[in-house]
Amino acid sequence: MKTEQHAYRLAPWRKQLKSIINILLVLVLGACIASVYLNYSAQMTDMKLQIQILHDQRNELTRTIADYVTREGILTSYALMEKKATQAGYIKIDFDDEDIYTYLPIPGYIPDIDILSERRVQLPPLPVSPLKPEYTESLQLYIFRKLPTKESEK
């Protein structure tokens, strides 16, 4: 009987080594992809946290500004300003009663004409019609103007 010898294409330990290397390559590739994804996710989470902190700071600043505006409104209200003026010794004057106050002449004072002219009430100019006068004329006036009259014939 003849015995035939068969040769292996690759030795069995080489096949095992090749399959282990292939598996390791797939695992390393998967680990690389996972690390890139985790790094990106970590950066996005950090950005979102920073945005949230900035929104909170903006809201806090808005509330602070509103608080200061409210305080300014209270401090400059008519009632409080009148109370402070009374405490400082000011009195209300009636501008119709000239006996309460007097005008003092100041030597060397020359009134600025420009300032005085600005204080005067200036009426706004009358609006100019964007339409030509020909378009605002009535049909009757137009016909009477264009028709020859007896006086113009003589």
N, C-alpha and C. Protein backbone atom coordinates (compact mmCIF):
# COMPACT_ATOMS: atom_id res chain seq x y z
N MET A 1 0.80 -1.16 0.00
CA MET A 1 0.00 0.00 0.00
C MET A 1 0.86 1.24 0.00
N LYS A 2 0.40 2.16 -0.74
CA LYS A 2 1.18 3.39 -0.88
C LYS A 2 0.67 4.42 0.12
N THR A 3 1.57 5.05 0.70
CA THR A 3 1.18 6.16 1.58
C THR A 3 1.51 7.47 0.87
N GLU A 4 0.56 8.32 0.92
CA GLU A 4 0.77 9.63 0.29
C GLU A 4 1.03 10.66 1.37
N GLN A 5 1.96 11.45 1.08
CA GLN A 5 2.25 12.52 2.01
C GLN A 5 1.59 13.81 1.51
N HIS A 6 0.87 14.41 2.42
CA HIS A 6 0.24 15.69 2.08
C HIS A 6 1.00 16.81 2.79
N ALA A 7 1.29 17.83 2.06
CA ALA A 7 1.99 18.96 2.65
C ALA A 7 0.95 20.04 3.02
N TYR A 8 1.14 20.63 4.16
CA TYR A 8 0.27 21.74 4.57
C TYR A 8 0.71 23.02 3.84
N ARG A 9 -0.30 23.78 3.48
CA ARG A 9 0.05 25.06 2.87
C ARG A 9 0.78 25.92 3.88
N LEU A 10 0.23 25.98 5.08
CA LEU A 10 0.88 26.71 6.18
C LEU A 10 0.90 25.77 7.38
N ALA A 11 1.88 25.99 8.15
CA ALA A 11 1.95 25.17 9.35
C ALA A 11 0.79 25.57 10.27
N PRO A 12 0.25 24.64 11.06
CA PRO A 12 -0.89 24.95 11.92
C PRO A 12 -0.60 26.08 12.91
N TRP A 13 0.60 26.17 13.39
CA TRP A 13 0.88 27.24 14.36
C TRP A 13 0.90 28.60 13.67
N ARG A 14 1.23 28.60 12.34
CA ARG A 14 1.22 29.86 11.59
C ARG A 14 -0.22 30.31 11.33
N LYS A 15 -1.09 29.33 11.04
CA LYS A 15 -2.50 29.68 10.85
C LYS A 15 -3.06 30.29 12.13
N GLN A 16 -2.75 29.71 13.24
CA GLN A 16 -3.25 30.22 14.52
C GLN A 16 -2.68 31.63 14.79
N LEU A 17 -1.40 31.79 14.50
CA LEU A 17 -0.76 33.08 14.71
C LEU A 17 -1.39 34.15 13.81
N LYS A 18 -1.69 33.77 12.57
CA LYS A 18 -2.30 34.71 11.63
C LYS A 18 -3.69 35.10 12.10
N SER A 19 -4.48 34.15 12.56
CA SER A 19 -5.84 34.47 13.03
C SER A 19 -5.78 35.33 14.30
N ILE A 20 -4.80 35.04 15.18
CA ILE A 20 -4.65 35.87 16.39
C ILE A 20 -4.26 37.29 16.03
N ILE A 21 -3.35 37.43 15.07
CA ILE A 21 -2.92 38.78 14.63
C ILE A 21 -4.08 39.52 14.00
N ASN A 22 -4.87 38.83 13.18
CA ASN A 22 -6.05 39.47 12.56
C ASN A 22 -7.04 39.94 13.63
N ILE A 23 -7.28 39.10 14.60
CA ILE A 23 -8.21 39.48 15.68
C ILE A 23 -7.65 40.69 16.46
N LEU A 24 -6.34 40.64 16.73
CA LEU A 24 -5.72 41.76 17.44
C LEU A 24 -5.79 43.06 16.63
N LEU A 25 -5.61 42.98 15.32
CA LEU A 25 -5.71 44.17 14.47
C LEU A 25 -7.12 44.76 14.51
N VAL A 26 -8.13 43.88 14.45
CA VAL A 26 -9.52 44.35 14.53
C VAL A 26 -9.77 45.01 15.88
N LEU A 27 -9.25 44.38 16.96
CA LEU A 27 -9.44 44.97 18.29
C LEU A 27 -8.72 46.32 18.43
N VAL A 28 -7.51 46.42 17.89
CA VAL A 28 -6.77 47.69 17.95
C VAL A 28 -7.50 48.76 17.14
N LEU A 29 -7.99 48.41 15.95
CA LEU A 29 -8.75 49.35 15.13
C LEU A 29 -10.00 49.80 15.87
N GLY A 30 -10.72 48.86 16.47
CA GLY A 30 -11.91 49.21 17.25
C GLY A 30 -11.57 50.11 18.43
N ALA A 31 -10.44 49.82 19.11
CA ALA A 31 -10.01 50.66 20.24
C ALA A 31 -9.66 52.06 19.78
N CYS A 32 -9.03 52.20 18.61
CA CYS A 32 -8.69 53.52 18.07
C CYS A 32 -9.96 54.32 17.76
N ILE A 33 -10.90 53.66 17.11
CA ILE A 33 -12.17 54.33 16.77
C ILE A 33 -12.89 54.73 18.05
N ALA A 34 -12.91 53.84 19.04
CA ALA A 34 -13.58 54.15 20.31
C ALA A 34 -12.89 55.29 21.03
N SER A 35 -11.56 55.34 21.00
CA SER A 35 -10.84 56.43 21.68
C SER A 35 -11.10 57.77 21.00
N VAL A 36 -11.16 57.77 19.66
CA VAL A 36 -11.48 59.01 18.94
C VAL A 36 -12.89 59.46 19.30
N TYR A 37 -13.83 58.54 19.32
CA TYR A 37 -15.21 58.87 19.66
C TYR A 37 -15.31 59.38 21.10
N LEU A 38 -14.62 58.73 22.04
CA LEU A 38 -14.65 59.16 23.44
C LEU A 38 -14.00 60.53 23.61
N ASN A 39 -12.91 60.78 22.89
CA ASN A 39 -12.26 62.08 22.96
C ASN A 39 -13.18 63.18 22.44
N TYR A 40 -13.82 62.92 21.32
CA TYR A 40 -14.76 63.88 20.73
C TYR A 40 -15.93 64.11 21.69
N SER A 41 -16.47 63.06 22.27
CA SER A 41 -17.58 63.20 23.20
C SER A 41 -17.17 64.00 24.43
N ALA A 42 -15.95 63.77 24.92
CA ALA A 42 -15.47 64.51 26.08
C ALA A 42 -15.33 65.99 25.76
N GLN A 43 -14.83 66.31 24.57
CA GLN A 43 -14.70 67.71 24.17
C GLN A 43 -16.08 68.38 24.05
N MET A 44 -17.02 67.66 23.45
CA MET A 44 -18.37 68.21 23.30
C MET A 44 -19.02 68.43 24.67
N THR A 45 -18.83 67.51 25.59
CA THR A 45 -19.39 67.65 26.93
C THR A 45 -18.77 68.85 27.63
N ASP A 46 -17.48 69.04 27.47
CA ASP A 46 -16.80 70.19 28.07
C ASP A 46 -17.33 71.50 27.48
N MET A 47 -17.52 71.53 26.17
CA MET A 47 -18.06 72.73 25.51
C MET A 47 -19.47 73.03 26.02
N LYS A 48 -20.30 72.00 26.13
CA LYS A 48 -21.66 72.20 26.61
C LYS A 48 -21.66 72.73 28.03
N LEU A 49 -20.75 72.24 28.86
CA LEU A 49 -20.64 72.72 30.24
C LEU A 49 -20.21 74.18 30.27
N GLN A 50 -19.26 74.55 29.43
CA GLN A 50 -18.82 75.94 29.36
C GLN A 50 -19.95 76.85 28.88
N ILE A 51 -20.71 76.38 27.89
CA ILE A 51 -21.85 77.17 27.39
C ILE A 51 -22.88 77.35 28.50
N GLN A 52 -23.14 76.31 29.25
CA GLN A 52 -24.11 76.41 30.33
C GLN A 52 -23.63 77.40 31.40
N ILE A 53 -22.33 77.37 31.73
CA ILE A 53 -21.78 78.31 32.70
C ILE A 53 -21.91 79.74 32.19
N LEU A 54 -21.62 79.95 30.90
CA LEU A 54 -21.74 81.29 30.32
C LEU A 54 -23.18 81.78 30.32
N HIS A 55 -24.13 80.88 30.03
CA HIS A 55 -25.55 81.26 30.08
C HIS A 55 -25.94 81.66 31.50
N ASP A 56 -25.47 80.92 32.49
CA ASP A 56 -25.77 81.25 33.88
C ASP A 56 -25.18 82.61 34.25
N GLN A 57 -23.96 82.89 33.80
CA GLN A 57 -23.34 84.19 34.07
C GLN A 57 -24.12 85.32 33.40
N ARG A 58 -24.56 85.08 32.16
CA ARG A 58 -25.34 86.10 31.45
C ARG A 58 -26.65 86.38 32.17
N ASN A 59 -27.32 85.31 32.63
CA ASN A 59 -28.57 85.49 33.35
C ASN A 59 -28.35 86.25 34.66
N GLU A 60 -27.26 85.94 35.34
CA GLU A 60 -26.95 86.64 36.59
C GLU A 60 -26.67 88.11 36.32
N LEU A 61 -25.91 88.40 35.26
CA LEU A 61 -25.64 89.80 34.90
C LEU A 61 -26.92 90.54 34.52
N THR A 62 -27.80 89.87 33.81
CA THR A 62 -29.08 90.49 33.43
C THR A 62 -29.89 90.84 34.67
N ARG A 63 -29.93 89.92 35.63
CA ARG A 63 -30.66 90.20 36.88
C ARG A 63 -30.00 91.34 37.65
N THR A 64 -28.67 91.38 37.67
CA THR A 64 -27.97 92.45 38.37
C THR A 64 -28.25 93.80 37.72
N ILE A 65 -28.22 93.85 36.40
CA ILE A 65 -28.51 95.09 35.68
C ILE A 65 -29.94 95.54 35.95
N ALA A 66 -30.87 94.60 35.92
CA ALA A 66 -32.27 94.95 36.21
C ALA A 66 -32.41 95.48 37.64
N ASP A 67 -31.66 94.88 38.57
CA ASP A 67 -31.70 95.35 39.96
C ASP A 67 -31.17 96.77 40.06
N TYR A 68 -30.06 97.06 39.37
CA TYR A 68 -29.50 98.41 39.40
C TYR A 68 -30.44 99.42 38.73
N VAL A 69 -31.08 99.04 37.66
CA VAL A 69 -32.03 99.95 37.01
C VAL A 69 -33.20 100.24 37.93
N THR A 70 -33.66 99.22 38.65
CA THR A 70 -34.76 99.41 39.59
C THR A 70 -34.33 100.34 40.72
N ARG A 71 -33.12 100.13 41.25
CA ARG A 71 -32.61 101.00 42.31
C ARG A 71 -32.49 102.44 41.82
N GLU A 72 -31.98 102.62 40.59
CA GLU A 72 -31.86 103.96 40.03
C GLU A 72 -33.24 104.61 39.90
N GLY A 73 -34.22 103.82 39.46
CA GLY A 73 -35.57 104.35 39.33
C GLY A 73 -36.14 104.79 40.67
N ILE A 74 -35.86 104.01 41.71
CA ILE A 74 -36.35 104.37 43.04
C ILE A 74 -35.65 105.63 43.54
N LEU A 75 -34.31 105.68 43.35
CA LEU A 75 -33.55 106.82 43.84
C LEU A 75 -33.87 108.11 43.10
N THR A 76 -34.26 108.02 41.84
CA THR A 76 -34.56 109.22 41.06
C THR A 76 -36.06 109.45 40.90
N SER A 77 -36.86 108.77 41.70
CA SER A 77 -38.30 108.98 41.61
C SER A 77 -38.64 110.38 42.11
N TYR A 78 -39.75 110.89 41.66
CA TYR A 78 -40.14 112.26 42.00
C TYR A 78 -40.30 112.42 43.51
N ALA A 79 -40.95 111.47 44.16
CA ALA A 79 -41.21 111.60 45.60
C ALA A 79 -39.90 111.64 46.39
N LEU A 80 -38.95 110.75 46.07
CA LEU A 80 -37.69 110.72 46.80
C LEU A 80 -36.84 111.94 46.51
N MET A 81 -36.81 112.39 45.26
CA MET A 81 -36.05 113.59 44.92
C MET A 81 -36.64 114.82 45.61
N GLU A 82 -37.96 114.89 45.68
CA GLU A 82 -38.61 116.01 46.37
C GLU A 82 -38.27 115.97 47.86
N LYS A 83 -38.27 114.80 48.46
CA LYS A 83 -37.94 114.63 49.87
C LYS A 83 -36.48 115.07 50.14
N LYS A 84 -35.55 114.65 49.27
CA LYS A 84 -34.15 115.04 49.42
C LYS A 84 -33.97 116.55 49.25
N ALA A 85 -34.69 117.13 48.30
CA ALA A 85 -34.58 118.57 48.09
C ALA A 85 -35.12 119.33 49.29
N THR A 86 -36.19 118.87 49.88
CA THR A 86 -36.75 119.50 51.07
C THR A 86 -35.77 119.39 52.24
N GLN A 87 -35.13 118.21 52.38
CA GLN A 87 -34.15 118.03 53.45
C GLN A 87 -32.92 118.92 53.23
N ALA A 88 -32.59 119.20 52.00
CA ALA A 88 -31.43 120.04 51.69
C ALA A 88 -31.74 121.52 51.86
N GLY A 89 -33.02 121.88 52.09
CA GLY A 89 -33.37 123.27 52.34
C GLY A 89 -34.00 123.97 51.15
N TYR A 90 -34.24 123.27 50.08
CA TYR A 90 -34.90 123.89 48.94
C TYR A 90 -36.39 124.01 49.22
N ILE A 91 -37.00 125.03 48.65
CA ILE A 91 -38.44 125.20 48.79
C ILE A 91 -39.07 125.26 47.42
N LYS A 92 -40.33 124.90 47.37
CA LYS A 92 -41.04 124.99 46.09
C LYS A 92 -41.34 126.44 45.79
N ILE A 93 -41.21 126.82 44.55
CA ILE A 93 -41.54 128.18 44.17
C ILE A 93 -42.65 128.15 43.15
N ASP A 94 -43.42 129.21 43.20
CA ASP A 94 -44.49 129.38 42.23
C ASP A 94 -43.96 130.34 41.17
N PHE A 95 -43.81 129.87 39.97
CA PHE A 95 -43.22 130.70 38.92
C PHE A 95 -44.13 131.86 38.52
N ASP A 96 -45.40 131.79 38.90
CA ASP A 96 -46.30 132.89 38.60
C ASP A 96 -46.15 134.03 39.61
N ASP A 97 -45.66 133.74 40.81
CA ASP A 97 -45.49 134.74 41.85
C ASP A 97 -44.03 135.20 41.85
N GLU A 98 -43.77 136.40 41.30
CA GLU A 98 -42.41 136.88 41.17
C GLU A 98 -41.86 137.45 42.46
N ASP A 99 -42.68 137.57 43.51
CA ASP A 99 -42.18 138.07 44.79
C ASP A 99 -41.34 137.03 45.51
N ILE A 100 -41.50 135.76 45.17
CA ILE A 100 -40.78 134.68 45.86
C ILE A 100 -39.33 134.63 45.39
N TYR A 101 -39.08 134.89 44.13
CA TYR A 101 -37.72 134.76 43.62
C TYR A 101 -37.33 136.05 42.90
N THR A 102 -36.03 136.26 42.79
CA THR A 102 -35.52 137.44 42.09
C THR A 102 -34.42 137.01 41.15
N TYR A 103 -34.28 137.75 40.10
CA TYR A 103 -33.20 137.51 39.16
C TYR A 103 -32.04 138.40 39.55
N LEU A 104 -30.85 137.87 39.60
CA LEU A 104 -29.67 138.64 39.97
C LEU A 104 -28.87 138.97 38.72
N PRO A 105 -28.55 140.24 38.51
CA PRO A 105 -27.68 140.58 37.38
C PRO A 105 -26.24 140.18 37.73
N ILE A 106 -25.58 139.58 36.79
CA ILE A 106 -24.20 139.14 36.99
C ILE A 106 -23.32 139.99 36.10
N PRO A 107 -22.39 140.71 36.73
CA PRO A 107 -21.54 141.59 35.92
C PRO A 107 -20.61 140.78 35.02
N GLY A 108 -20.49 141.21 33.79
CA GLY A 108 -19.60 140.55 32.86
C GLY A 108 -20.23 139.39 32.11
N TYR A 109 -21.48 139.05 32.42
CA TYR A 109 -22.14 137.93 31.75
C TYR A 109 -22.69 138.40 30.41
N ILE A 110 -22.29 137.70 29.38
CA ILE A 110 -22.80 137.99 28.04
C ILE A 110 -23.58 136.76 27.59
N PRO A 111 -24.87 136.91 27.42
CA PRO A 111 -25.64 135.72 27.03
C PRO A 111 -25.23 135.24 25.64
N ASP A 112 -25.14 133.96 25.50
CA ASP A 112 -24.77 133.35 24.22
C ASP A 112 -26.00 133.33 23.33
N ILE A 113 -25.92 134.00 22.23
CA ILE A 113 -27.06 134.13 21.32
C ILE A 113 -27.48 132.76 20.79
N ASP A 114 -26.50 131.90 20.50
CA ASP A 114 -26.82 130.59 19.95
C ASP A 114 -27.63 129.77 20.95
N ILE A 115 -27.25 129.84 22.22
CA ILE A 115 -27.98 129.08 23.23
C ILE A 115 -29.39 129.61 23.37
N LEU A 116 -29.53 130.95 23.35
CA LEU A 116 -30.86 131.53 23.48
C LEU A 116 -31.74 131.15 22.29
N SER A 117 -31.15 131.10 21.10
CA SER A 117 -31.95 130.75 19.93
C SER A 117 -32.36 129.29 19.97
N GLU A 118 -31.52 128.43 20.59
CA GLU A 118 -31.89 127.02 20.70
C GLU A 118 -33.03 126.82 21.67
N ARG A 119 -33.13 127.72 22.68
CA ARG A 119 -34.18 127.57 23.68
C ARG A 119 -35.54 127.94 23.13
N ARG A 120 -35.57 128.78 22.13
CA ARG A 120 -36.85 129.17 21.55
C ARG A 120 -37.48 127.98 20.85
N VAL A 121 -38.78 127.97 20.89
CA VAL A 121 -39.50 126.88 20.24
C VAL A 121 -39.47 127.13 18.75
N GLN A 122 -38.93 126.17 18.06
CA GLN A 122 -38.87 126.29 16.61
C GLN A 122 -39.94 125.38 16.02
N LEU A 123 -40.78 125.98 15.23
CA LEU A 123 -41.82 125.20 14.58
C LEU A 123 -41.22 124.41 13.43
N PRO A 124 -41.66 123.20 13.28
CA PRO A 124 -41.14 122.42 12.15
C PRO A 124 -41.64 123.02 10.84
N PRO A 125 -40.86 122.92 9.79
CA PRO A 125 -41.30 123.48 8.51
C PRO A 125 -42.55 122.75 8.02
N LEU A 126 -43.34 123.51 7.31
CA LEU A 126 -44.56 122.91 6.76
C LEU A 126 -44.19 121.83 5.76
N PRO A 127 -44.93 120.74 5.79
CA PRO A 127 -44.59 119.66 4.87
C PRO A 127 -44.84 120.08 3.42
N VAL A 128 -43.92 119.71 2.59
CA VAL A 128 -44.03 120.02 1.17
C VAL A 128 -44.70 118.83 0.50
N SER A 129 -45.70 119.14 -0.29
CA SER A 129 -46.43 118.07 -0.96
C SER A 129 -45.55 117.44 -2.04
N PRO A 130 -45.50 116.12 -2.06
CA PRO A 130 -44.70 115.49 -3.11
C PRO A 130 -45.37 115.56 -4.48
N LEU A 131 -46.63 115.99 -4.52
CA LEU A 131 -47.35 116.08 -5.79
C LEU A 131 -47.13 117.45 -6.42
N LYS A 132 -47.05 117.47 -7.71
CA LYS A 132 -46.91 118.73 -8.43
C LYS A 132 -48.25 119.48 -8.36
N PRO A 133 -48.22 120.81 -8.43
CA PRO A 133 -49.48 121.57 -8.36
C PRO A 133 -50.44 121.21 -9.48
N GLU A 134 -49.90 120.78 -10.62
CA GLU A 134 -50.79 120.42 -11.73
C GLU A 134 -51.68 119.24 -11.38
N TYR A 135 -51.15 118.36 -10.52
CA TYR A 135 -51.91 117.16 -10.17
C TYR A 135 -52.91 117.41 -9.05
N THR A 136 -52.81 118.53 -8.39
CA THR A 136 -53.74 118.83 -7.30
C THR A 136 -54.85 119.76 -7.74
N GLU A 137 -54.79 120.21 -8.98
CA GLU A 137 -55.80 121.13 -9.49
C GLU A 137 -57.06 120.36 -9.87
N SER A 138 -58.21 120.96 -9.58
CA SER A 138 -59.46 120.27 -9.91
C SER A 138 -59.71 120.34 -11.42
N LEU A 139 -60.58 119.47 -11.89
CA LEU A 139 -60.89 119.41 -13.32
C LEU A 139 -61.59 120.68 -13.79
N GLN A 140 -62.47 121.23 -12.94
CA GLN A 140 -63.18 122.46 -13.30
C GLN A 140 -62.20 123.61 -13.52
N LEU A 141 -61.27 123.80 -12.60
CA LEU A 141 -60.31 124.88 -12.76
C LEU A 141 -59.44 124.68 -13.99
N TYR A 142 -59.07 123.46 -14.25
CA TYR A 142 -58.26 123.17 -15.43
C TYR A 142 -59.01 123.53 -16.70
N ILE A 143 -60.28 123.15 -16.79
CA ILE A 143 -61.08 123.43 -18.00
C ILE A 143 -61.28 124.93 -18.15
N PHE A 144 -61.60 125.62 -17.03
CA PHE A 144 -61.80 127.06 -17.11
C PHE A 144 -60.52 127.78 -17.51
N ARG A 145 -59.42 127.30 -17.09
CA ARG A 145 -58.15 127.93 -17.41
C ARG A 145 -57.78 127.69 -18.88
N LYS A 146 -58.12 126.54 -19.42
CA LYS A 146 -57.74 126.20 -20.78
C LYS A 146 -58.71 126.72 -21.84
N LEU A 147 -59.96 126.87 -21.45
CA LEU A 147 -60.94 127.36 -22.42
C LEU A 147 -60.75 128.86 -22.67
N PRO A 148 -60.91 129.25 -23.89
CA PRO A 148 -60.78 130.68 -24.16
C PRO A 148 -61.98 131.44 -23.58
N THR A 149 -61.69 132.54 -22.96
CA THR A 149 -62.78 133.36 -22.40
C THR A 149 -63.04 134.53 -23.34
N LYS A 150 -64.14 135.23 -23.08
CA LYS A 150 -64.51 136.34 -23.94
C LYS A 150 -63.49 137.49 -23.82
N GLU A 151 -62.93 137.67 -22.66
CA GLU A 151 -61.96 138.76 -22.47
C GLU A 151 -60.68 138.49 -23.25
N SER A 152 -60.28 137.19 -23.31
CA SER A 152 -59.04 136.89 -24.01
C SER A 152 -59.24 136.94 -25.53
N GLU A 153 -60.45 136.84 -26.02
CA GLU A 153 -60.71 136.89 -27.46
C GLU A 153 -60.63 138.33 -27.98
N LYS A 154 -60.90 139.28 -27.16
CA LYS A 154 -60.92 140.69 -27.60
C LYS A 154 -59.58 141.28 -27.76
